[in-house]
Amino acid sequence: MALGVGDAFQRETVYVRGEMDAHSLDWAAKPEAVKRYPQAPQIALRTPSTKGGASLWTALRQRRSVRRFGGSPVTKAELSRLLWAAQAVTRRHGEYLFRTAPSAGALYPVETYLTTHRVTG
């Protein structure tokens, strides 16, 4: 039976620990799952509600890149929602943290740093 394109892609790109052609990973020396900056100022944000809102299909259909921004400041609630969508931990399994953005092997090579300008509160 011939594989569909999706199945063929999955089979050819599957991630298997210890079997990476170009290089290997030192699993004993991996970095912490979360970087900590104890001296940096912190602002508490409430966990945003994830109930309701647009369906996935509506959100994808209406998504647009914007290069002109409005003059209204962002609220702390909106900021919390944006940060949650970008990097929130949605589940823990042992030492692994699962986030809103997928990552092979739960390695999460992306870090989110925030600079603010005109956030109310």
PDB file of N, CA and C in Angstrom:
ATOM      1  N   MET A   1       0.839  -1.185   0.000  1.00  0.00           N
ATOM      2  CA  MET A   1       0.000   0.000   0.000  1.00  0.00           C
ATOM      3  C   MET A   1       0.883   1.247   0.000  1.00  0.00           C
ATOM      4  N   ALA A   2       0.626   2.157  -0.904  1.00  0.00           N
ATOM      5  CA  ALA A   2       1.404   3.394  -1.016  1.00  0.00           C
ATOM      6  C   ALA A   2       1.035   4.347   0.118  1.00  0.00           C
ATOM      7  N   LEU A   3       2.046   5.039   0.647  1.00  0.00           N
ATOM      8  CA  LEU A   3       1.808   6.018   1.704  1.00  0.00           C
ATOM      9  C   LEU A   3       1.304   7.321   1.111  1.00  0.00           C
ATOM     10  N   GLY A   4       0.423   8.001   1.847  1.00  0.00           N
ATOM     11  CA  GLY A   4       0.023   9.345   1.462  1.00  0.00           C
ATOM     12  C   GLY A   4       1.170  10.295   1.717  1.00  0.00           C
ATOM     13  N   VAL A   5       1.093  11.479   1.164  1.00  0.00           N
ATOM     14  CA  VAL A   5       2.187  12.439   1.299  1.00  0.00           C
ATOM     15  C   VAL A   5       2.440  12.791   2.766  1.00  0.00           C
ATOM     16  N   GLY A   6       1.383  12.916   3.564  1.00  0.00           N
ATOM     17  CA  GLY A   6       1.549  13.238   4.984  1.00  0.00           C
ATOM     18  C   GLY A   6       2.249  12.128   5.740  1.00  0.00           C
ATOM     19  N   ASP A   7       1.838  10.877   5.472  1.00  0.00           N
ATOM     20  CA  ASP A   7       2.477   9.734   6.130  1.00  0.00           C
ATOM     21  C   ASP A   7       3.935   9.597   5.704  1.00  0.00           C
ATOM     22  N   ALA A   8       4.206   9.820   4.424  1.00  0.00           N
ATOM     23  CA  ALA A   8       5.582   9.734   3.927  1.00  0.00           C
ATOM     24  C   ALA A   8       6.449  10.818   4.575  1.00  0.00           C
ATOM     25  N   PHE A   9       5.932  12.034   4.683  1.00  0.00           N
ATOM     26  CA  PHE A   9       6.671  13.120   5.321  1.00  0.00           C
ATOM     27  C   PHE A   9       6.972  12.769   6.777  1.00  0.00           C
ATOM     28  N   GLN A  10       5.971  12.273   7.492  1.00  0.00           N
ATOM     29  CA  GLN A  10       6.161  11.914   8.900  1.00  0.00           C
ATOM     30  C   GLN A  10       7.227  10.833   9.040  1.00  0.00           C
ATOM     31  N   ARG A  11       7.166   9.833   8.222  1.00  0.00           N
ATOM     32  CA  ARG A  11       8.129   8.731   8.303  1.00  0.00           C
ATOM     33  C   ARG A  11       9.551   9.211   8.002  1.00  0.00           C
ATOM     34  N   GLU A  12       9.702  10.103   7.037  1.00  0.00           N
ATOM     35  CA  GLU A  12      11.032  10.575   6.632  1.00  0.00           C
ATOM     36  C   GLU A  12      11.617  11.616   7.582  1.00  0.00           C
ATOM     37  N   THR A  13      10.785  12.283   8.360  1.00  0.00           N
ATOM     38  CA  THR A  13      11.285  13.362   9.223  1.00  0.00           C
ATOM     39  C   THR A  13      11.099  13.069  10.706  1.00  0.00           C
ATOM     40  N   VAL A  14      10.745  11.858  11.052  1.00  0.00           N
ATOM     41  CA  VAL A  14      10.501  11.520  12.448  1.00  0.00           C
ATOM     42  C   VAL A  14      11.759  11.778  13.282  1.00  0.00           C
ATOM     43  N   TYR A  15      11.553  12.241  14.479  1.00  0.00           N
ATOM     44  CA  TYR A  15      12.639  12.574  15.397  1.00  0.00           C
ATOM     45  C   TYR A  15      12.860  11.385  16.327  1.00  0.00           C
ATOM     46  N   VAL A  16      14.048  10.834  16.307  1.00  0.00           N
ATOM     47  CA  VAL A  16      14.392   9.705  17.177  1.00  0.00           C
ATOM     48  C   VAL A  16      15.645  10.085  17.959  1.00  0.00           C
ATOM     49  N   ARG A  17      15.550  10.109  19.278  1.00  0.00           N
ATOM     50  CA  ARG A  17      16.708  10.454  20.111  1.00  0.00           C
ATOM     51  C   ARG A  17      17.873   9.528  19.815  1.00  0.00           C
ATOM     52  N   GLY A  18      19.050  10.114  19.707  1.00  0.00           N
ATOM     53  CA  GLY A  18      20.256   9.332  19.480  1.00  0.00           C
ATOM     54  C   GLY A  18      20.487   8.955  18.029  1.00  0.00           C
ATOM     55  N   GLU A  19      19.579   9.328  17.141  1.00  0.00           N
ATOM     56  CA  GLU A  19      19.725   8.969  15.731  1.00  0.00           C
ATOM     57  C   GLU A  19      19.619  10.198  14.831  1.00  0.00           C
ATOM     58  N   MET A  20      20.346  11.236  15.157  1.00  0.00           N
ATOM     59  CA  MET A  20      20.330  12.445  14.352  1.00  0.00           C
ATOM     60  C   MET A  20      21.571  12.437  13.467  1.00  0.00           C
ATOM     61  N   ASP A  21      21.374  12.492  12.162  1.00  0.00           N
ATOM     62  CA  ASP A  21      22.474  12.362  11.210  1.00  0.00           C
ATOM     63  C   ASP A  21      23.551  13.443  11.361  1.00  0.00           C
ATOM     64  N   ALA A  22      23.154  14.700  11.409  1.00  0.00           N
ATOM     65  CA  ALA A  22      24.115  15.798  11.339  1.00  0.00           C
ATOM     66  C   ALA A  22      24.904  15.992  12.633  1.00  0.00           C
ATOM     67  N   HIS A  23      24.320  15.710  13.762  1.00  0.00           N
ATOM     68  CA  HIS A  23      24.988  15.931  15.035  1.00  0.00           C
ATOM     69  C   HIS A  23      24.279  15.125  16.120  1.00  0.00           C
ATOM     70  N   SER A  24      24.857  15.125  17.283  1.00  0.00           N
ATOM     71  CA  SER A  24      24.204  14.435  18.393  1.00  0.00           C
ATOM     72  C   SER A  24      23.990  15.422  19.531  1.00  0.00           C
ATOM     73  N   LEU A  25      23.079  15.095  20.388  1.00  0.00           N
ATOM     74  CA  LEU A  25      22.781  15.948  21.528  1.00  0.00           C
ATOM     75  C   LEU A  25      23.323  15.302  22.795  1.00  0.00           C
ATOM     76  N   ASP A  26      23.869  16.119  23.672  1.00  0.00           N
ATOM     77  CA  ASP A  26      24.343  15.640  24.958  1.00  0.00           C
ATOM     78  C   ASP A  26      23.194  15.804  25.956  1.00  0.00           C
ATOM     79  N   TRP A  27      22.392  14.772  26.123  1.00  0.00           N
ATOM     80  CA  TRP A  27      21.195  14.848  26.961  1.00  0.00           C
ATOM     81  C   TRP A  27      21.535  15.081  28.423  1.00  0.00           C
ATOM     82  N   ALA A  28      22.731  14.731  28.858  1.00  0.00           N
ATOM     83  CA  ALA A  28      23.115  14.954  30.252  1.00  0.00           C
ATOM     84  C   ALA A  28      23.420  16.420  30.520  1.00  0.00           C
ATOM     85  N   ALA A  29      23.735  17.191  29.478  1.00  0.00           N
ATOM     86  CA  ALA A  29      24.111  18.601  29.646  1.00  0.00           C
ATOM     87  C   ALA A  29      23.050  19.545  29.086  1.00  0.00           C
ATOM     88  N   LYS A  30      21.810  19.102  29.020  1.00  0.00           N
ATOM     89  CA  LYS A  30      20.777  19.965  28.448  1.00  0.00           C
ATOM     90  C   LYS A  30      20.484  21.148  29.374  1.00  0.00           C
ATOM     91  N   PRO A  31      20.071  22.267  28.812  1.00  0.00           N
ATOM     92  CA  PRO A  31      19.772  23.446  29.635  1.00  0.00           C
ATOM     93  C   PRO A  31      18.466  23.236  30.412  1.00  0.00           C
ATOM     94  N   GLU A  32      18.263  24.079  31.399  1.00  0.00           N
ATOM     95  CA  GLU A  32      17.014  24.050  32.162  1.00  0.00           C
ATOM     96  C   GLU A  32      15.843  24.335  31.234  1.00  0.00           C
ATOM     97  N   ALA A  33      14.676  23.826  31.570  1.00  0.00           N
ATOM     98  CA  ALA A  33      13.483  24.021  30.743  1.00  0.00           C
ATOM     99  C   ALA A  33      13.030  25.487  30.739  1.00  0.00           C
ATOM    100  N   VAL A  34      13.325  26.207  31.812  1.00  0.00           N
ATOM    101  CA  VAL A  34      12.917  27.607  31.928  1.00  0.00           C
ATOM    102  C   VAL A  34      14.108  28.410  32.423  1.00  0.00           C
ATOM    103  N   LYS A  35      14.421  29.508  31.732  1.00  0.00           N
ATOM    104  CA  LYS A  35      15.485  30.400  32.207  1.00  0.00           C
ATOM    105  C   LYS A  35      14.918  31.277  33.317  1.00  0.00           C
ATOM    106  N   ARG A  36      15.734  31.556  34.281  1.00  0.00           N
ATOM    107  CA  ARG A  36      15.306  32.392  35.406  1.00  0.00           C
ATOM    108  C   ARG A  36      16.200  33.626  35.468  1.00  0.00           C
ATOM    109  N   TYR A  37      15.583  34.745  35.718  1.00  0.00           N
ATOM    110  CA  TYR A  37      16.290  36.014  35.857  1.00  0.00           C
ATOM    111  C   TYR A  37      15.857  36.638  37.187  1.00  0.00           C
ATOM    112  N   PRO A  38      16.435  36.210  38.303  1.00  0.00           N
ATOM    113  CA  PRO A  38      15.951  36.652  39.613  1.00  0.00           C
ATOM    114  C   PRO A  38      16.082  38.148  39.860  1.00  0.00           C
ATOM    115  N   GLN A  39      17.010  38.830  39.193  1.00  0.00           N
ATOM    116  CA  GLN A  39      17.207  40.260  39.413  1.00  0.00           C
ATOM    117  C   GLN A  39      16.295  41.119  38.531  1.00  0.00           C
ATOM    118  N   ALA A  40      15.659  40.526  37.537  1.00  0.00           N
ATOM    119  CA  ALA A  40      14.820  41.302  36.612  1.00  0.00           C
ATOM    120  C   ALA A  40      13.487  41.656  37.273  1.00  0.00           C
ATOM    121  N   PRO A  41      12.980  42.843  36.970  1.00  0.00           N
ATOM    122  CA  PRO A  41      11.668  43.203  37.515  1.00  0.00           C
ATOM    123  C   PRO A  41      10.594  42.271  36.960  1.00  0.00           C
ATOM    124  N   GLN A  42       9.614  41.961  37.781  1.00  0.00           N
ATOM    125  CA  GLN A  42       8.530  41.089  37.351  1.00  0.00           C
ATOM    126  C   GLN A  42       7.190  41.760  37.598  1.00  0.00           C
ATOM    127  N   ILE A  43       6.264  41.505  36.704  1.00  0.00           N
ATOM    128  CA  ILE A  43       4.897  42.003  36.836  1.00  0.00           C
ATOM    129  C   ILE A  43       3.980  40.794  36.759  1.00  0.00           C
ATOM    130  N   ALA A  44       3.174  40.613  37.773  1.00  0.00           N
ATOM    131  CA  ALA A  44       2.255  39.473  37.796  1.00  0.00           C
ATOM    132  C   ALA A  44       1.146  39.670  36.764  1.00  0.00           C
ATOM    133  N   LEU A  45       0.890  38.639  35.994  1.00  0.00           N
ATOM    134  CA  LEU A  45      -0.210  38.640  35.032  1.00  0.00           C
ATOM    135  C   LEU A  45      -1.152  37.505  35.384  1.00  0.00           C
ATOM    136  N   ARG A  46      -2.431  37.747  35.274  1.00  0.00           N
ATOM    137  CA  ARG A  46      -3.402  36.688  35.506  1.00  0.00           C
ATOM    138  C   ARG A  46      -3.374  35.700  34.357  1.00  0.00           C
ATOM    139  N   THR A  47      -3.678  34.447  34.652  1.00  0.00           N
ATOM    140  CA  THR A  47      -3.804  33.451  33.600  1.00  0.00           C
ATOM    141  C   THR A  47      -5.022  33.826  32.767  1.00  0.00           C
ATOM    142  N   PRO A  48      -4.856  33.958  31.459  1.00  0.00           N
ATOM    143  CA  PRO A  48      -5.991  34.384  30.630  1.00  0.00           C
ATOM    144  C   PRO A  48      -7.023  33.270  30.475  1.00  0.00           C
ATOM    145  N   SER A  49      -8.231  33.681  30.240  1.00  0.00           N
ATOM    146  CA  SER A  49      -9.291  32.720  29.954  1.00  0.00           C
ATOM    147  C   SER A  49      -9.073  32.161  28.552  1.00  0.00           C
ATOM    148  N   THR A  50      -9.194  30.871  28.412  1.00  0.00           N
ATOM    149  CA  THR A  50      -9.077  30.250  27.093  1.00  0.00           C
ATOM    150  C   THR A  50     -10.429  29.738  26.625  1.00  0.00           C
ATOM    151  N   LYS A  51     -11.480  30.152  27.282  1.00  0.00           N
ATOM    152  CA  LYS A  51     -12.832  29.741  26.910  1.00  0.00           C
ATOM    153  C   LYS A  51     -13.386  30.699  25.858  1.00  0.00           C
ATOM    154  N   GLY A  52     -14.215  30.176  24.986  1.00  0.00           N
ATOM    155  CA  GLY A  52     -14.868  31.015  23.982  1.00  0.00           C
ATOM    156  C   GLY A  52     -13.896  31.469  22.914  1.00  0.00           C
ATOM    157  N   GLY A  53     -14.178  32.599  22.317  1.00  0.00           N
ATOM    158  CA  GLY A  53     -13.317  33.119  21.267  1.00  0.00           C
ATOM    159  C   GLY A  53     -13.631  32.475  19.926  1.00  0.00           C
ATOM    160  N   ALA A  54     -12.856  32.833  18.947  1.00  0.00           N
ATOM    161  CA  ALA A  54     -13.062  32.334  17.587  1.00  0.00           C
ATOM    162  C   ALA A  54     -12.618  30.876  17.487  1.00  0.00           C
ATOM    163  N   SER A  55     -13.231  30.155  16.563  1.00  0.00           N
ATOM    164  CA  SER A  55     -12.788  28.788  16.302  1.00  0.00           C
ATOM    165  C   SER A  55     -11.437  28.840  15.599  1.00  0.00           C
ATOM    166  N   LEU A  56     -10.736  27.733  15.589  1.00  0.00           N
ATOM    167  CA  LEU A  56      -9.451  27.667  14.910  1.00  0.00           C
ATOM    168  C   LEU A  56      -9.589  28.079  13.458  1.00  0.00           C
ATOM    169  N   TRP A  57     -10.599  27.587  12.782  1.00  0.00           N
ATOM    170  CA  TRP A  57     -10.769  27.855  11.349  1.00  0.00           C
ATOM    171  C   TRP A  57     -11.069  29.322  11.096  1.00  0.00           C
ATOM    172  N   THR A  58     -11.866  29.935  11.947  1.00  0.00           N
ATOM    173  CA  THR A  58     -12.150  31.363  11.807  1.00  0.00           C
ATOM    174  C   THR A  58     -10.883  32.175  12.035  1.00  0.00           C
ATOM    175  N   ALA A  59     -10.139  31.822  13.070  1.00  0.00           N
ATOM    176  CA  ALA A  59      -8.894  32.545  13.365  1.00  0.00           C
ATOM    177  C   ALA A  59      -7.909  32.435  12.210  1.00  0.00           C
ATOM    178  N   LEU A  60      -7.759  31.249  11.634  1.00  0.00           N
ATOM    179  CA  LEU A  60      -6.839  31.084  10.504  1.00  0.00           C
ATOM    180  C   LEU A  60      -7.310  31.869   9.280  1.00  0.00           C
ATOM    181  N   ARG A  61      -8.604  31.843   9.031  1.00  0.00           N
ATOM    182  CA  ARG A  61      -9.144  32.549   7.860  1.00  0.00           C
ATOM    183  C   ARG A  61      -8.995  34.067   8.001  1.00  0.00           C
ATOM    184  N   GLN A  62      -9.119  34.575   9.216  1.00  0.00           N
ATOM    185  CA  GLN A  62      -9.082  36.026   9.428  1.00  0.00           C
ATOM    186  C   GLN A  62      -7.693  36.563   9.776  1.00  0.00           C
ATOM    187  N   ARG A  63      -6.690  35.692   9.927  1.00  0.00           N
ATOM    188  CA  ARG A  63      -5.352  36.125  10.305  1.00  0.00           C
ATOM    189  C   ARG A  63      -4.734  37.012   9.228  1.00  0.00           C
ATOM    190  N   ARG A  64      -4.155  38.122   9.620  1.00  0.00           N
ATOM    191  CA  ARG A  64      -3.476  39.047   8.712  1.00  0.00           C
ATOM    192  C   ARG A  64      -2.260  39.631   9.409  1.00  0.00           C
ATOM    193  N   SER A  65      -1.242  39.941   8.634  1.00  0.00           N
ATOM    194  CA  SER A  65      -0.097  40.676   9.170  1.00  0.00           C
ATOM    195  C   SER A  65      -0.441  42.154   9.119  1.00  0.00           C
ATOM    196  N   VAL A  66      -0.107  42.870  10.169  1.00  0.00           N
ATOM    197  CA  VAL A  66      -0.427  44.293  10.260  1.00  0.00           C
ATOM    198  C   VAL A  66       0.874  45.066  10.434  1.00  0.00           C
ATOM    199  N   ARG A  67       1.035  46.117   9.665  1.00  0.00           N
ATOM    200  CA  ARG A  67       2.245  46.943   9.769  1.00  0.00           C
ATOM    201  C   ARG A  67       1.941  48.342  10.311  1.00  0.00           C
ATOM    202  N   ARG A  68       0.671  48.669  10.400  1.00  0.00           N
ATOM    203  CA  ARG A  68       0.279  49.952  11.003  1.00  0.00           C
ATOM    204  C   ARG A  68      -0.482  49.640  12.276  1.00  0.00           C
ATOM    205  N   PHE A  69       0.003  50.161  13.366  1.00  0.00           N
ATOM    206  CA  PHE A  69      -0.573  49.830  14.651  1.00  0.00           C
ATOM    207  C   PHE A  69      -1.408  50.991  15.173  1.00  0.00           C
ATOM    208  N   GLY A  70      -2.461  50.658  15.879  1.00  0.00           N
ATOM    209  CA  GLY A  70      -3.332  51.675  16.461  1.00  0.00           C
ATOM    210  C   GLY A  70      -2.642  52.402  17.592  1.00  0.00           C
ATOM    211  N   GLY A  71      -3.228  53.490  18.017  1.00  0.00           N
ATOM    212  CA  GLY A  71      -2.644  54.308  19.071  1.00  0.00           C
ATOM    213  C   GLY A  71      -3.026  53.885  20.472  1.00  0.00           C
ATOM    214  N   SER A  72      -3.946  52.930  20.604  1.00  0.00           N
ATOM    215  CA  SER A  72      -4.401  52.518  21.929  1.00  0.00           C
ATOM    216  C   SER A  72      -3.387  51.601  22.598  1.00  0.00           C
ATOM    217  N   PRO A  73      -3.164  51.804  23.897  1.00  0.00           N
ATOM    218  CA  PRO A  73      -2.245  50.907  24.594  1.00  0.00           C
ATOM    219  C   PRO A  73      -2.847  49.509  24.744  1.00  0.00           C
ATOM    220  N   VAL A  74      -1.987  48.536  24.927  1.00  0.00           N
ATOM    221  CA  VAL A  74      -2.406  47.155  25.170  1.00  0.00           C
ATOM    222  C   VAL A  74      -2.740  47.037  26.652  1.00  0.00           C
ATOM    223  N   THR A  75      -3.769  46.286  26.980  1.00  0.00           N
ATOM    224  CA  THR A  75      -4.088  46.064  28.390  1.00  0.00           C
ATOM    225  C   THR A  75      -3.259  44.899  28.923  1.00  0.00           C
ATOM    226  N   LYS A  76      -3.160  44.810  30.247  1.00  0.00           N
ATOM    227  CA  LYS A  76      -2.442  43.683  30.840  1.00  0.00           C
ATOM    228  C   LYS A  76      -3.127  42.365  30.483  1.00  0.00           C
ATOM    229  N   ALA A  77      -4.438  42.356  30.383  1.00  0.00           N
ATOM    230  CA  ALA A  77      -5.162  41.130  30.017  1.00  0.00           C
ATOM    231  C   ALA A  77      -4.815  40.709  28.586  1.00  0.00           C
ATOM    232  N   GLU A  78      -4.733  41.679  27.672  1.00  0.00           N
ATOM    233  CA  GLU A  78      -4.358  41.359  26.282  1.00  0.00           C
ATOM    234  C   GLU A  78      -2.920  40.859  26.218  1.00  0.00           C
ATOM    235  N   LEU A  79      -2.036  41.497  26.977  1.00  0.00           N
ATOM    236  CA  LEU A  79      -0.641  41.072  27.022  1.00  0.00           C
ATOM    237  C   LEU A  79      -0.532  39.648  27.564  1.00  0.00           C
ATOM    238  N   SER A  80      -1.278  39.347  28.599  1.00  0.00           N
ATOM    239  CA  SER A  80      -1.283  38.009  29.166  1.00  0.00           C
ATOM    240  C   SER A  80      -1.748  36.981  28.138  1.00  0.00           C
ATOM    241  N   ARG A  81      -2.789  37.312  27.385  1.00  0.00           N
ATOM    242  CA  ARG A  81      -3.293  36.410  26.343  1.00  0.00           C
ATOM    243  C   ARG A  81      -2.254  36.171  25.249  1.00  0.00           C
ATOM    244  N   LEU A  82      -1.579  37.223  24.824  1.00  0.00           N
ATOM    245  CA  LEU A  82      -0.551  37.088  23.780  1.00  0.00           C
ATOM    246  C   LEU A  82       0.613  36.225  24.248  1.00  0.00           C
ATOM    247  N   LEU A  83       1.082  36.454  25.471  1.00  0.00           N
ATOM    248  CA  LEU A  83       2.182  35.659  25.993  1.00  0.00           C
ATOM    249  C   LEU A  83       1.771  34.206  26.188  1.00  0.00           C
ATOM    250  N   TRP A  84       0.540  33.988  26.635  1.00  0.00           N
ATOM    251  CA  TRP A  84       0.043  32.616  26.784  1.00  0.00           C
ATOM    252  C   TRP A  84       0.052  31.910  25.437  1.00  0.00           C
ATOM    253  N   ALA A  85      -0.438  32.577  24.402  1.00  0.00           N
ATOM    254  CA  ALA A  85      -0.494  31.964  23.069  1.00  0.00           C
ATOM    255  C   ALA A  85       0.904  31.680  22.525  1.00  0.00           C
ATOM    256  N   ALA A  86       1.878  32.499  22.883  1.00  0.00           N
ATOM    257  CA  ALA A  86       3.233  32.341  22.347  1.00  0.00           C
ATOM    258  C   ALA A  86       4.022  31.223  23.021  1.00  0.00           C
ATOM    259  N   GLN A  87       3.950  31.104  24.343  1.00  0.00           N
ATOM    260  CA  GLN A  87       4.869  30.192  25.043  1.00  0.00           C
ATOM    261  C   GLN A  87       4.326  29.569  26.316  1.00  0.00           C
ATOM    262  N   ALA A  88       3.045  29.581  26.554  1.00  0.00           N
ATOM    263  CA  ALA A  88       2.535  29.081  27.830  1.00  0.00           C
ATOM    264  C   ALA A  88       2.785  27.594  28.018  1.00  0.00           C
ATOM    265  N   VAL A  89       3.058  27.231  29.251  1.00  0.00           N
ATOM    266  CA  VAL A  89       3.149  25.817  29.612  1.00  0.00           C
ATOM    267  C   VAL A  89       1.721  25.321  29.797  1.00  0.00           C
ATOM    268  N   THR A  90       1.342  24.333  28.998  1.00  0.00           N
ATOM    269  CA  THR A  90      -0.025  23.815  29.049  1.00  0.00           C
ATOM    270  C   THR A  90      -0.135  22.491  29.793  1.00  0.00           C
ATOM    271  N   ARG A  91       1.013  21.826  29.977  1.00  0.00           N
ATOM    272  CA  ARG A  91       1.001  20.530  30.644  1.00  0.00           C
ATOM    273  C   ARG A  91       2.408  20.189  31.090  1.00  0.00           C
ATOM    274  N   ARG A  92       2.510  19.450  32.179  1.00  0.00           N
ATOM    275  CA  ARG A  92       3.792  18.946  32.679  1.00  0.00           C
ATOM    276  C   ARG A  92       3.734  17.435  32.679  1.00  0.00           C
ATOM    277  N   HIS A  93       4.833  16.824  32.254  1.00  0.00           N
ATOM    278  CA  HIS A  93       4.945  15.368  32.304  1.00  0.00           C
ATOM    279  C   HIS A  93       6.359  15.066  32.787  1.00  0.00           C
ATOM    280  N   GLY A  94       6.481  14.757  34.071  1.00  0.00           N
ATOM    281  CA  GLY A  94       7.808  14.576  34.655  1.00  0.00           C
ATOM    282  C   GLY A  94       8.585  15.875  34.555  1.00  0.00           C
ATOM    283  N   GLU A  95       9.769  15.810  33.978  1.00  0.00           N
ATOM    284  CA  GLU A  95      10.601  17.010  33.825  1.00  0.00           C
ATOM    285  C   GLU A  95      10.262  17.799  32.568  1.00  0.00           C
ATOM    286  N   TYR A  96       9.367  17.278  31.745  1.00  0.00           N
ATOM    287  CA  TYR A  96       9.037  17.932  30.477  1.00  0.00           C
ATOM    288  C   TYR A  96       7.887  18.912  30.640  1.00  0.00           C
ATOM    289  N   LEU A  97       8.041  20.056  30.000  1.00  0.00           N
ATOM    290  CA  LEU A  97       6.995  21.063  29.969  1.00  0.00           C
ATOM    291  C   LEU A  97       6.457  21.131  28.540  1.00  0.00           C
ATOM    292  N   PHE A  98       5.168  21.005  28.380  1.00  0.00           N
ATOM    293  CA  PHE A  98       4.554  21.112  27.062  1.00  0.00           C
ATOM    294  C   PHE A  98       3.941  22.498  26.937  1.00  0.00           C
ATOM    295  N   ARG A  99       4.129  23.106  25.778  1.00  0.00           N
ATOM    296  CA  ARG A  99       3.717  24.498  25.588  1.00  0.00           C
ATOM    297  C   ARG A  99       2.704  24.643  24.468  1.00  0.00           C
ATOM    298  N   THR A 100       2.214  25.854  24.308  1.00  0.00           N
ATOM    299  CA  THR A 100       1.229  26.118  23.265  1.00  0.00           C
ATOM    300  C   THR A 100       1.820  25.987  21.873  1.00  0.00           C
ATOM    301  N   ALA A 101       3.110  26.231  21.730  1.00  0.00           N
ATOM    302  CA  ALA A 101       3.792  26.068  20.438  1.00  0.00           C
ATOM    303  C   ALA A 101       4.508  24.727  20.449  1.00  0.00           C
ATOM    304  N   PRO A 102       4.264  23.857  19.457  1.00  0.00           N
ATOM    305  CA  PRO A 102       4.876  22.530  19.470  1.00  0.00           C
ATOM    306  C   PRO A 102       6.387  22.569  19.217  1.00  0.00           C
ATOM    307  N   SER A 103       7.076  21.518  19.689  1.00  0.00           N
ATOM    308  CA  SER A 103       8.511  21.402  19.491  1.00  0.00           C
ATOM    309  C   SER A 103       8.899  19.934  19.556  1.00  0.00           C
ATOM    310  N   ALA A 104       9.669  19.483  18.587  1.00  0.00           N
ATOM    311  CA  ALA A 104      10.114  18.086  18.555  1.00  0.00           C
ATOM    312  C   ALA A 104      10.914  17.759  19.801  1.00  0.00           C
ATOM    313  N   GLY A 105      10.556  16.685  20.474  1.00  0.00           N
ATOM    314  CA  GLY A 105      11.281  16.263  21.659  1.00  0.00           C
ATOM    315  C   GLY A 105      11.103  17.186  22.844  1.00  0.00           C
ATOM    316  N   ALA A 106      10.151  18.098  22.788  1.00  0.00           N
ATOM    317  CA  ALA A 106       9.916  19.092  23.839  1.00  0.00           C
ATOM    318  C   ALA A 106      11.192  19.881  24.139  1.00  0.00           C
ATOM    319  N   LEU A 107      11.967  20.190  23.092  1.00  0.00           N
ATOM    320  CA  LEU A 107      13.217  20.945  23.259  1.00  0.00           C
ATOM    321  C   LEU A 107      12.993  22.455  23.272  1.00  0.00           C
ATOM    322  N   TYR A 108      11.996  22.958  22.601  1.00  0.00           N
ATOM    323  CA  TYR A 108      11.634  24.375  22.568  1.00  0.00           C
ATOM    324  C   TYR A 108      12.837  25.292  22.368  1.00  0.00           C
ATOM    325  N   PRO A 109      13.375  25.345  21.159  1.00  0.00           N
ATOM    326  CA  PRO A 109      14.550  26.175  20.909  1.00  0.00           C
ATOM    327  C   PRO A 109      14.230  27.670  20.779  1.00  0.00           C
ATOM    328  N   VAL A 110      12.979  28.045  20.973  1.00  0.00           N
ATOM    329  CA  VAL A 110      12.578  29.449  20.851  1.00  0.00           C
ATOM    330  C   VAL A 110      12.399  30.036  22.247  1.00  0.00           C
ATOM    331  N   GLU A 111      12.938  31.229  22.447  1.00  0.00           N
ATOM    332  CA  GLU A 111      12.758  31.945  23.703  1.00  0.00           C
ATOM    333  C   GLU A 111      11.987  33.219  23.418  1.00  0.00           C
ATOM    334  N   THR A 112      11.118  33.602  24.327  1.00  0.00           N
ATOM    335  CA  THR A 112      10.321  34.810  24.152  1.00  0.00           C
ATOM    336  C   THR A 112      10.809  35.862  25.146  1.00  0.00           C
ATOM    337  N   TYR A 113      11.206  37.013  24.628  1.00  0.00           N
ATOM    338  CA  TYR A 113      11.604  38.139  25.461  1.00  0.00           C
ATOM    339  C   TYR A 113      10.652  39.282  25.159  1.00  0.00           C
ATOM    340  N   LEU A 114      10.254  39.977  26.167  1.00  0.00           N
ATOM    341  CA  LEU A 114       9.235  41.009  26.021  1.00  0.00           C
ATOM    342  C   LEU A 114       9.800  42.383  26.327  1.00  0.00           C
ATOM    343  N   THR A 115       9.532  43.314  25.437  1.00  0.00           N
ATOM    344  CA  THR A 115       9.811  44.720  25.671  1.00  0.00           C
ATOM    345  C   THR A 115       8.478  45.425  25.534  1.00  0.00           C
ATOM    346  N   THR A 116       8.152  46.266  26.442  1.00  0.00           N
ATOM    347  CA  THR A 116       6.829  46.885  26.388  1.00  0.00           C
ATOM    348  C   THR A 116       6.907  48.379  26.123  1.00  0.00           C
ATOM    349  N   HIS A 117       5.863  48.853  25.508  1.00  0.00           N
ATOM    350  CA  HIS A 117       5.676  50.271  25.240  1.00  0.00           C
ATOM    351  C   HIS A 117       4.170  50.508  25.214  1.00  0.00           C
ATOM    352  N   ARG A 118       3.677  51.249  26.115  1.00  0.00           N
ATOM    353  CA  ARG A 118       2.255  51.567  26.199  1.00  0.00           C
ATOM    354  C   ARG A 118       1.392  50.345  26.543  1.00  0.00           C
ATOM    355  N   VAL A 119       1.633  49.783  27.716  1.00  0.00           N
ATOM    356  CA  VAL A 119       0.765  48.753  28.271  1.00  0.00           C
ATOM    357  C   VAL A 119       0.103  49.382  29.486  1.00  0.00           C
ATOM    358  N   THR A 120      -1.223  49.370  29.507  1.00  0.00           N
ATOM    359  CA  THR A 120      -1.929  49.982  30.652  1.00  0.00           C
ATOM    360  C   THR A 120      -1.734  49.132  31.890  1.00  0.00           C
ATOM    361  N   GLY A 121      -1.525  49.813  33.030  1.00  0.00           N
ATOM    362  CA  GLY A 121      -1.382  49.108  34.311  1.00  0.00           C
ATOM    363  C   GLY A 121       0.013  48.631  34.538  1.00  0.00           C
TER     364      GLY A 121
END
